[in-house]
Amino acid sequence: MSEQWLEARAPGYRDLPEPDRRAIFDFAFLWSLFEAQVMANFARADRIRAKVDEWAAAGTLDADGYAAELTYFRNRYFAEGALTYHFPHLGLRPSDHPDLVQAVIEGVNDDPRDRMLALLMIVWRFRNNLFHGAKWAYQLRDQRENFTRANLVLMRVLEHHGQLG
Protein backbone atom coordinates (compact mmCIF):
# COMPACT_ATOMS: atom_id res chain seq x y z
CA MET A 1 0.00 0.00 0.00
CA SER A 2 2.73 2.51 0.90
CA GLU A 3 4.65 1.53 -2.24
CA GLN A 4 1.67 2.45 -4.40
CA TRP A 5 1.19 5.72 -2.54
CA LEU A 6 4.86 6.65 -2.97
CA GLU A 7 4.77 5.79 -6.67
CA ALA A 8 1.72 8.01 -7.15
CA ARG A 9 2.84 10.98 -5.05
CA ALA A 10 6.57 11.12 -4.29
CA PRO A 11 8.49 12.99 -7.01
CA GLY A 12 10.71 10.61 -8.96
CA TYR A 13 9.96 7.59 -6.79
CA ARG A 14 8.26 5.71 -9.63
CA ASP A 15 11.45 6.01 -11.68
CA LEU A 16 13.74 4.64 -8.96
CA PRO A 17 14.91 1.12 -9.77
CA GLU A 18 14.11 -1.50 -7.14
CA PRO A 19 17.77 -1.89 -6.05
CA ASP A 20 17.93 1.87 -5.32
CA ARG A 21 14.74 1.68 -3.28
CA ARG A 22 16.06 -1.32 -1.38
CA ALA A 23 19.37 0.38 -0.51
CA ILE A 24 17.51 3.44 0.81
CA PHE A 25 15.01 1.40 2.81
CA ASP A 26 17.84 -0.71 4.24
CA PHE A 27 19.68 2.46 5.21
CA ALA A 28 16.66 3.73 7.17
CA PHE A 29 16.48 0.49 9.17
CA LEU A 30 20.23 0.19 9.65
CA TRP A 31 20.49 3.80 10.81
CA SER A 32 17.70 3.20 13.32
CA LEU A 33 19.46 0.10 14.62
CA PHE A 34 22.80 1.94 14.78
CA GLU A 35 21.23 4.79 16.70
CA ALA A 36 19.56 2.37 19.14
CA GLN A 37 22.42 -0.09 19.60
CA VAL A 38 25.49 2.12 19.34
CA MET A 39 24.35 5.66 20.09
CA ALA A 40 21.96 4.92 23.00
CA ASN A 41 19.00 6.26 20.97
CA PHE A 42 20.55 9.69 20.45
CA ALA A 43 22.96 10.39 17.64
CA ARG A 44 24.60 13.75 17.10
CA ALA A 45 27.92 14.66 15.51
CA ASP A 46 29.58 15.30 18.88
CA ARG A 47 28.30 12.00 20.30
CA ILE A 48 29.50 10.12 17.22
CA ARG A 49 32.95 11.70 17.68
CA ALA A 50 32.92 10.65 21.35
CA LYS A 51 32.13 7.05 20.32
CA VAL A 52 34.97 7.01 17.80
CA ASP A 53 37.32 8.40 20.46
CA GLU A 54 36.12 5.72 22.87
CA TRP A 55 36.80 2.96 20.32
CA ALA A 56 40.23 4.42 19.52
CA ALA A 57 41.14 4.54 23.22
CA ALA A 58 39.95 0.95 23.71
CA GLY A 59 41.85 -0.30 20.67
CA THR A 60 38.65 -1.49 18.97
CA LEU A 61 38.50 1.02 16.13
CA ASP A 62 39.45 -1.33 13.25
CA ALA A 63 39.60 1.57 10.76
CA ASP A 64 41.38 -0.62 8.21
CA GLY A 65 38.25 -2.78 8.00
CA TYR A 66 36.50 0.11 6.23
CA ALA A 67 39.14 0.67 3.54
CA ALA A 68 36.88 -0.20 0.60
CA GLU A 69 34.18 2.20 1.74
CA LEU A 70 36.70 4.98 2.37
CA THR A 71 38.18 4.43 -1.09
CA TYR A 72 34.71 4.71 -2.62
CA PHE A 73 34.00 8.01 -0.83
CA ARG A 74 37.45 9.38 -1.61
CA ASN A 75 36.86 8.66 -5.30
CA ARG A 76 33.40 10.20 -5.19
CA TYR A 77 34.38 13.39 -3.40
CA PHE A 78 37.95 13.98 -4.60
CA ALA A 79 39.31 13.53 -8.13
CA GLU A 80 42.12 14.97 -10.21
CA GLY A 81 43.52 16.87 -7.25
CA ALA A 82 40.31 18.69 -6.29
CA LEU A 83 37.07 18.17 -4.44
CA THR A 84 34.29 17.07 -6.80
CA TYR A 85 30.96 18.81 -7.21
CA HIS A 86 29.45 16.10 -4.97
CA PHE A 87 31.35 17.20 -1.87
CA PRO A 88 29.36 20.39 -1.09
CA HIS A 89 26.14 18.39 -1.38
CA LEU A 90 27.05 16.51 1.79
CA GLY A 91 26.02 19.71 3.55
CA LEU A 92 28.66 19.36 6.25
CA ARG A 93 27.97 21.72 9.14
CA PRO A 94 30.59 23.09 11.54
CA SER A 95 29.78 20.39 14.12
CA ASP A 96 30.33 17.69 11.45
CA HIS A 97 34.11 18.32 11.38
CA PRO A 98 34.19 19.50 7.75
CA ASP A 99 37.93 20.25 7.76
CA LEU A 100 38.74 16.79 9.09
CA VAL A 101 36.40 15.11 6.58
CA GLN A 102 37.96 17.08 3.74
CA ALA A 103 41.51 16.25 4.85
CA VAL A 104 40.67 12.54 5.04
CA ILE A 105 38.89 12.61 1.66
CA GLU A 106 41.87 14.39 0.08
CA GLY A 107 44.23 11.81 1.61
CA VAL A 108 46.12 14.47 3.59
CA ASN A 109 45.01 12.93 6.89
CA ASP A 110 45.26 9.15 7.13
CA ASP A 111 44.98 8.81 10.92
CA PRO A 112 42.81 5.75 11.71
CA ARG A 113 40.65 7.64 14.22
CA ASP A 114 40.09 10.47 11.76
CA ARG A 115 39.32 8.08 8.89
CA MET A 116 36.65 6.40 11.00
CA LEU A 117 35.20 9.73 12.11
CA ALA A 118 35.14 10.99 8.50
CA LEU A 119 33.27 7.88 7.36
CA LEU A 120 30.69 8.23 10.10
CA MET A 121 30.29 11.94 9.40
CA ILE A 122 29.54 11.12 5.76
CA VAL A 123 26.99 8.50 6.84
CA TRP A 124 25.57 11.03 9.33
CA ARG A 125 25.11 13.56 6.52
CA PHE A 126 23.39 10.93 4.35
CA ARG A 127 21.04 10.35 7.27
CA ASN A 128 20.32 14.04 7.71
CA ASN A 129 20.00 14.72 4.00
CA LEU A 130 17.58 11.80 3.58
CA PHE A 131 15.47 12.30 6.69
CA HIS A 132 15.34 16.09 6.41
CA GLY A 133 14.42 16.01 2.74
CA ALA A 134 17.52 17.32 0.94
CA LYS A 135 17.87 14.13 -1.11
CA TRP A 136 14.41 14.74 -2.62
CA ALA A 137 15.78 17.82 -4.41
CA TYR A 138 17.03 15.43 -7.10
CA GLN A 139 14.39 12.74 -6.47
CA LEU A 140 16.85 10.33 -4.83
CA ARG A 141 18.50 9.60 -8.20
CA ASP A 142 21.96 8.07 -8.39
CA GLN A 143 22.13 7.26 -4.68
CA ARG A 144 22.27 3.44 -4.73
CA GLU A 145 26.04 3.12 -4.36
CA ASN A 146 26.17 5.85 -1.70
CA PHE A 147 23.58 4.10 0.43
CA THR A 148 25.04 0.66 -0.28
CA ARG A 149 28.44 1.84 1.01
CA ALA A 150 26.86 3.63 3.98
CA ASN A 151 24.96 0.42 4.78
CA LEU A 152 28.22 -1.55 4.78
CA VAL A 153 29.74 0.94 7.21
CA LEU A 154 26.71 0.74 9.51
CA MET A 155 26.59 -3.07 9.44
CA ARG A 156 30.29 -3.36 10.27
CA VAL A 157 30.00 -0.82 13.10
CA LEU A 158 26.99 -2.71 14.45
CA GLU A 159 28.88 -6.01 14.28
CA HIS A 160 31.85 -4.56 16.17
CA HIS A 161 30.19 -2.13 18.56
CA GLY A 162 26.48 -2.91 18.70
CA GLN A 163 24.57 -4.75 21.36
CA LEU A 164 23.23 -7.34 18.92
CA GLY A 165 22.02 -10.55 20.45
C-alpha atoms as a PDB file:
ATOM      1  CA  MET A   1       0.000   0.000   0.000  1.00  0.00           C
ATOM      2  CA  SER A   2       2.729   2.513   0.897  1.00  0.00           C
ATOM      3  CA  GLU A   3       4.651   1.526  -2.238  1.00  0.00           C
ATOM      4  CA  GLN A   4       1.665   2.452  -4.401  1.00  0.00           C
ATOM      5  CA  TRP A   5       1.188   5.722  -2.540  1.00  0.00           C
ATOM      6  CA  LEU A   6       4.855   6.649  -2.971  1.00  0.00           C
ATOM      7  CA  GLU A   7       4.766   5.787  -6.672  1.00  0.00           C
ATOM      8  CA  ALA A   8       1.725   8.007  -7.149  1.00  0.00           C
ATOM      9  CA  ARG A   9       2.841  10.975  -5.052  1.00  0.00           C
ATOM     10  CA  ALA A  10       6.574  11.115  -4.293  1.00  0.00           C
ATOM     11  CA  PRO A  11       8.494  12.993  -7.011  1.00  0.00           C
ATOM     12  CA  GLY A  12      10.712  10.610  -8.959  1.00  0.00           C
ATOM     13  CA  TYR A  13       9.956   7.586  -6.788  1.00  0.00           C
ATOM     14  CA  ARG A  14       8.257   5.707  -9.629  1.00  0.00           C
ATOM     15  CA  ASP A  15      11.447   6.010 -11.683  1.00  0.00           C
ATOM     16  CA  LEU A  16      13.739   4.640  -8.959  1.00  0.00           C
ATOM     17  CA  PRO A  17      14.912   1.121  -9.768  1.00  0.00           C
ATOM     18  CA  GLU A  18      14.105  -1.495  -7.138  1.00  0.00           C
ATOM     19  CA  PRO A  19      17.774  -1.888  -6.048  1.00  0.00           C
ATOM     20  CA  ASP A  20      17.928   1.871  -5.323  1.00  0.00           C
ATOM     21  CA  ARG A  21      14.742   1.685  -3.278  1.00  0.00           C
ATOM     22  CA  ARG A  22      16.064  -1.322  -1.379  1.00  0.00           C
ATOM     23  CA  ALA A  23      19.365   0.379  -0.507  1.00  0.00           C
ATOM     24  CA  ILE A  24      17.509   3.444   0.807  1.00  0.00           C
ATOM     25  CA  PHE A  25      15.011   1.401   2.811  1.00  0.00           C
ATOM     26  CA  ASP A  26      17.837  -0.706   4.243  1.00  0.00           C
ATOM     27  CA  PHE A  27      19.680   2.461   5.212  1.00  0.00           C
ATOM     28  CA  ALA A  28      16.656   3.726   7.171  1.00  0.00           C
ATOM     29  CA  PHE A  29      16.479   0.489   9.172  1.00  0.00           C
ATOM     30  CA  LEU A  30      20.232   0.194   9.653  1.00  0.00           C
ATOM     31  CA  TRP A  31      20.488   3.800  10.812  1.00  0.00           C
ATOM     32  CA  SER A  32      17.698   3.200  13.323  1.00  0.00           C
ATOM     33  CA  LEU A  33      19.458   0.096  14.624  1.00  0.00           C
ATOM     34  CA  PHE A  34      22.804   1.943  14.782  1.00  0.00           C
ATOM     35  CA  GLU A  35      21.227   4.790  16.702  1.00  0.00           C
ATOM     36  CA  ALA A  36      19.557   2.372  19.143  1.00  0.00           C
ATOM     37  CA  GLN A  37      22.425  -0.085  19.600  1.00  0.00           C
ATOM     38  CA  VAL A  38      25.494   2.122  19.336  1.00  0.00           C
ATOM     39  CA  MET A  39      24.346   5.657  20.093  1.00  0.00           C
ATOM     40  CA  ALA A  40      21.962   4.915  23.005  1.00  0.00           C
ATOM     41  CA  ASN A  41      19.003   6.264  20.972  1.00  0.00           C
ATOM     42  CA  PHE A  42      20.549   9.690  20.455  1.00  0.00           C
ATOM     43  CA  ALA A  43      22.965  10.386  17.637  1.00  0.00           C
ATOM     44  CA  ARG A  44      24.603  13.755  17.105  1.00  0.00           C
ATOM     45  CA  ALA A  45      27.923  14.662  15.514  1.00  0.00           C
ATOM     46  CA  ASP A  46      29.584  15.297  18.881  1.00  0.00           C
ATOM     47  CA  ARG A  47      28.302  12.002  20.295  1.00  0.00           C
ATOM     48  CA  ILE A  48      29.504  10.116  17.220  1.00  0.00           C
ATOM     49  CA  ARG A  49      32.952  11.704  17.683  1.00  0.00           C
ATOM     50  CA  ALA A  50      32.922  10.651  21.347  1.00  0.00           C
ATOM     51  CA  LYS A  51      32.134   7.050  20.321  1.00  0.00           C
ATOM     52  CA  VAL A  52      34.966   7.011  17.798  1.00  0.00           C
ATOM     53  CA  ASP A  53      37.322   8.401  20.457  1.00  0.00           C
ATOM     54  CA  GLU A  54      36.117   5.721  22.874  1.00  0.00           C
ATOM     55  CA  TRP A  55      36.804   2.961  20.324  1.00  0.00           C
ATOM     56  CA  ALA A  56      40.233   4.424  19.521  1.00  0.00           C
ATOM     57  CA  ALA A  57      41.144   4.535  23.217  1.00  0.00           C
ATOM     58  CA  ALA A  58      39.952   0.955  23.714  1.00  0.00           C
ATOM     59  CA  GLY A  59      41.847  -0.300  20.669  1.00  0.00           C
ATOM     60  CA  THR A  60      38.646  -1.495  18.973  1.00  0.00           C
ATOM     61  CA  LEU A  61      38.500   1.022  16.126  1.00  0.00           C
ATOM     62  CA  ASP A  62      39.447  -1.328  13.248  1.00  0.00           C
ATOM     63  CA  ALA A  63      39.603   1.571  10.762  1.00  0.00           C
ATOM     64  CA  ASP A  64      41.382  -0.621   8.208  1.00  0.00           C
ATOM     65  CA  GLY A  65      38.245  -2.780   7.997  1.00  0.00           C
ATOM     66  CA  TYR A  66      36.497   0.108   6.231  1.00  0.00           C
ATOM     67  CA  ALA A  67      39.145   0.671   3.542  1.00  0.00           C
ATOM     68  CA  ALA A  68      36.884  -0.199   0.599  1.00  0.00           C
ATOM     69  CA  GLU A  69      34.185   2.204   1.738  1.00  0.00           C
ATOM     70  CA  LEU A  70      36.702   4.978   2.367  1.00  0.00           C
ATOM     71  CA  THR A  71      38.176   4.434  -1.093  1.00  0.00           C
ATOM     72  CA  TYR A  72      34.712   4.714  -2.623  1.00  0.00           C
ATOM     73  CA  PHE A  73      33.997   8.009  -0.830  1.00  0.00           C
ATOM     74  CA  ARG A  74      37.454   9.380  -1.613  1.00  0.00           C
ATOM     75  CA  ASN A  75      36.861   8.663  -5.299  1.00  0.00           C
ATOM     76  CA  ARG A  76      33.399  10.197  -5.190  1.00  0.00           C
ATOM     77  CA  TYR A  77      34.376  13.385  -3.402  1.00  0.00           C
ATOM     78  CA  PHE A  78      37.953  13.977  -4.599  1.00  0.00           C
ATOM     79  CA  ALA A  79      39.310  13.529  -8.127  1.00  0.00           C
ATOM     80  CA  GLU A  80      42.119  14.970 -10.206  1.00  0.00           C
ATOM     81  CA  GLY A  81      43.522  16.871  -7.248  1.00  0.00           C
ATOM     82  CA  ALA A  82      40.306  18.685  -6.294  1.00  0.00           C
ATOM     83  CA  LEU A  83      37.067  18.167  -4.442  1.00  0.00           C
ATOM     84  CA  THR A  84      34.293  17.072  -6.800  1.00  0.00           C
ATOM     85  CA  TYR A  85      30.957  18.808  -7.213  1.00  0.00           C
ATOM     86  CA  HIS A  86      29.449  16.099  -4.967  1.00  0.00           C
ATOM     87  CA  PHE A  87      31.354  17.202  -1.867  1.00  0.00           C
ATOM     88  CA  PRO A  88      29.363  20.389  -1.089  1.00  0.00           C
ATOM     89  CA  HIS A  89      26.136  18.388  -1.379  1.00  0.00           C
ATOM     90  CA  LEU A  90      27.047  16.507   1.785  1.00  0.00           C
ATOM     91  CA  GLY A  91      26.019  19.705   3.554  1.00  0.00           C
ATOM     92  CA  LEU A  92      28.656  19.362   6.252  1.00  0.00           C
ATOM     93  CA  ARG A  93      27.966  21.715   9.135  1.00  0.00           C
ATOM     94  CA  PRO A  94      30.592  23.087  11.537  1.00  0.00           C
ATOM     95  CA  SER A  95      29.782  20.391  14.115  1.00  0.00           C
ATOM     96  CA  ASP A  96      30.327  17.687  11.448  1.00  0.00           C
ATOM     97  CA  HIS A  97      34.108  18.320  11.384  1.00  0.00           C
ATOM     98  CA  PRO A  98      34.191  19.497   7.751  1.00  0.00           C
ATOM     99  CA  ASP A  99      37.932  20.253   7.758  1.00  0.00           C
ATOM    100  CA  LEU A 100      38.740  16.790   9.088  1.00  0.00           C
ATOM    101  CA  VAL A 101      36.402  15.112   6.581  1.00  0.00           C
ATOM    102  CA  GLN A 102      37.959  17.084   3.742  1.00  0.00           C
ATOM    103  CA  ALA A 103      41.515  16.254   4.849  1.00  0.00           C
ATOM    104  CA  VAL A 104      40.666  12.536   5.038  1.00  0.00           C
ATOM    105  CA  ILE A 105      38.891  12.607   1.660  1.00  0.00           C
ATOM    106  CA  GLU A 106      41.870  14.387   0.082  1.00  0.00           C
ATOM    107  CA  GLY A 107      44.232  11.808   1.606  1.00  0.00           C
ATOM    108  CA  VAL A 108      46.120  14.467   3.588  1.00  0.00           C
ATOM    109  CA  ASN A 109      45.007  12.928   6.887  1.00  0.00           C
ATOM    110  CA  ASP A 110      45.259   9.149   7.134  1.00  0.00           C
ATOM    111  CA  ASP A 111      44.983   8.814  10.916  1.00  0.00           C
ATOM    112  CA  PRO A 112      42.808   5.750  11.713  1.00  0.00           C
ATOM    113  CA  ARG A 113      40.653   7.645  14.224  1.00  0.00           C
ATOM    114  CA  ASP A 114      40.091  10.471  11.761  1.00  0.00           C
ATOM    115  CA  ARG A 115      39.323   8.076   8.891  1.00  0.00           C
ATOM    116  CA  MET A 116      36.647   6.401  11.000  1.00  0.00           C
ATOM    117  CA  LEU A 117      35.201   9.726  12.106  1.00  0.00           C
ATOM    118  CA  ALA A 118      35.136  10.995   8.501  1.00  0.00           C
ATOM    119  CA  LEU A 119      33.268   7.880   7.362  1.00  0.00           C
ATOM    120  CA  LEU A 120      30.687   8.229  10.102  1.00  0.00           C
ATOM    121  CA  MET A 121      30.289  11.943   9.404  1.00  0.00           C
ATOM    122  CA  ILE A 122      29.539  11.118   5.763  1.00  0.00           C
ATOM    123  CA  VAL A 123      26.994   8.504   6.845  1.00  0.00           C
ATOM    124  CA  TRP A 124      25.572  11.034   9.334  1.00  0.00           C
ATOM    125  CA  ARG A 125      25.106  13.562   6.521  1.00  0.00           C
ATOM    126  CA  PHE A 126      23.389  10.932   4.349  1.00  0.00           C
ATOM    127  CA  ARG A 127      21.041  10.352   7.266  1.00  0.00           C
ATOM    128  CA  ASN A 128      20.321  14.041   7.710  1.00  0.00           C
ATOM    129  CA  ASN A 129      19.998  14.719   3.998  1.00  0.00           C
ATOM    130  CA  LEU A 130      17.582  11.800   3.580  1.00  0.00           C
ATOM    131  CA  PHE A 131      15.469  12.302   6.689  1.00  0.00           C
ATOM    132  CA  HIS A 132      15.339  16.086   6.410  1.00  0.00           C
ATOM    133  CA  GLY A 133      14.416  16.009   2.738  1.00  0.00           C
ATOM    134  CA  ALA A 134      17.518  17.321   0.943  1.00  0.00           C
ATOM    135  CA  LYS A 135      17.866  14.134  -1.113  1.00  0.00           C
ATOM    136  CA  TRP A 136      14.413  14.735  -2.620  1.00  0.00           C
ATOM    137  CA  ALA A 137      15.777  17.821  -4.410  1.00  0.00           C
ATOM    138  CA  TYR A 138      17.029  15.428  -7.102  1.00  0.00           C
ATOM    139  CA  GLN A 139      14.387  12.738  -6.468  1.00  0.00           C
ATOM    140  CA  LEU A 140      16.845  10.332  -4.831  1.00  0.00           C
ATOM    141  CA  ARG A 141      18.498   9.603  -8.202  1.00  0.00           C
ATOM    142  CA  ASP A 142      21.957   8.070  -8.385  1.00  0.00           C
ATOM    143  CA  GLN A 143      22.134   7.256  -4.684  1.00  0.00           C
ATOM    144  CA  ARG A 144      22.268   3.444  -4.725  1.00  0.00           C
ATOM    145  CA  GLU A 145      26.037   3.124  -4.357  1.00  0.00           C
ATOM    146  CA  ASN A 146      26.171   5.851  -1.702  1.00  0.00           C
ATOM    147  CA  PHE A 147      23.579   4.101   0.431  1.00  0.00           C
ATOM    148  CA  THR A 148      25.042   0.661  -0.279  1.00  0.00           C
ATOM    149  CA  ARG A 149      28.437   1.839   1.008  1.00  0.00           C
ATOM    150  CA  ALA A 150      26.859   3.626   3.977  1.00  0.00           C
ATOM    151  CA  ASN A 151      24.963   0.419   4.779  1.00  0.00           C
ATOM    152  CA  LEU A 152      28.216  -1.555   4.778  1.00  0.00           C
ATOM    153  CA  VAL A 153      29.744   0.942   7.213  1.00  0.00           C
ATOM    154  CA  LEU A 154      26.708   0.737   9.507  1.00  0.00           C
ATOM    155  CA  MET A 155      26.590  -3.071   9.436  1.00  0.00           C
ATOM    156  CA  ARG A 156      30.290  -3.356  10.272  1.00  0.00           C
ATOM    157  CA  VAL A 157      29.997  -0.823  13.102  1.00  0.00           C
ATOM    158  CA  LEU A 158      26.989  -2.710  14.451  1.00  0.00           C
ATOM    159  CA  GLU A 159      28.875  -6.005  14.284  1.00  0.00           C
ATOM    160  CA  HIS A 160      31.852  -4.557  16.175  1.00  0.00           C
ATOM    161  CA  HIS A 161      30.194  -2.126  18.564  1.00  0.00           C
ATOM    162  CA  GLY A 162      26.480  -2.905  18.703  1.00  0.00           C
ATOM    163  CA  GLN A 163      24.568  -4.753  21.360  1.00  0.00           C
ATOM    164  CA  LEU A 164      23.225  -7.339  18.921  1.00  0.00           C
ATOM    165  CA  GLY A 165      22.021 -10.546  20.448  1.00  0.00           C
END
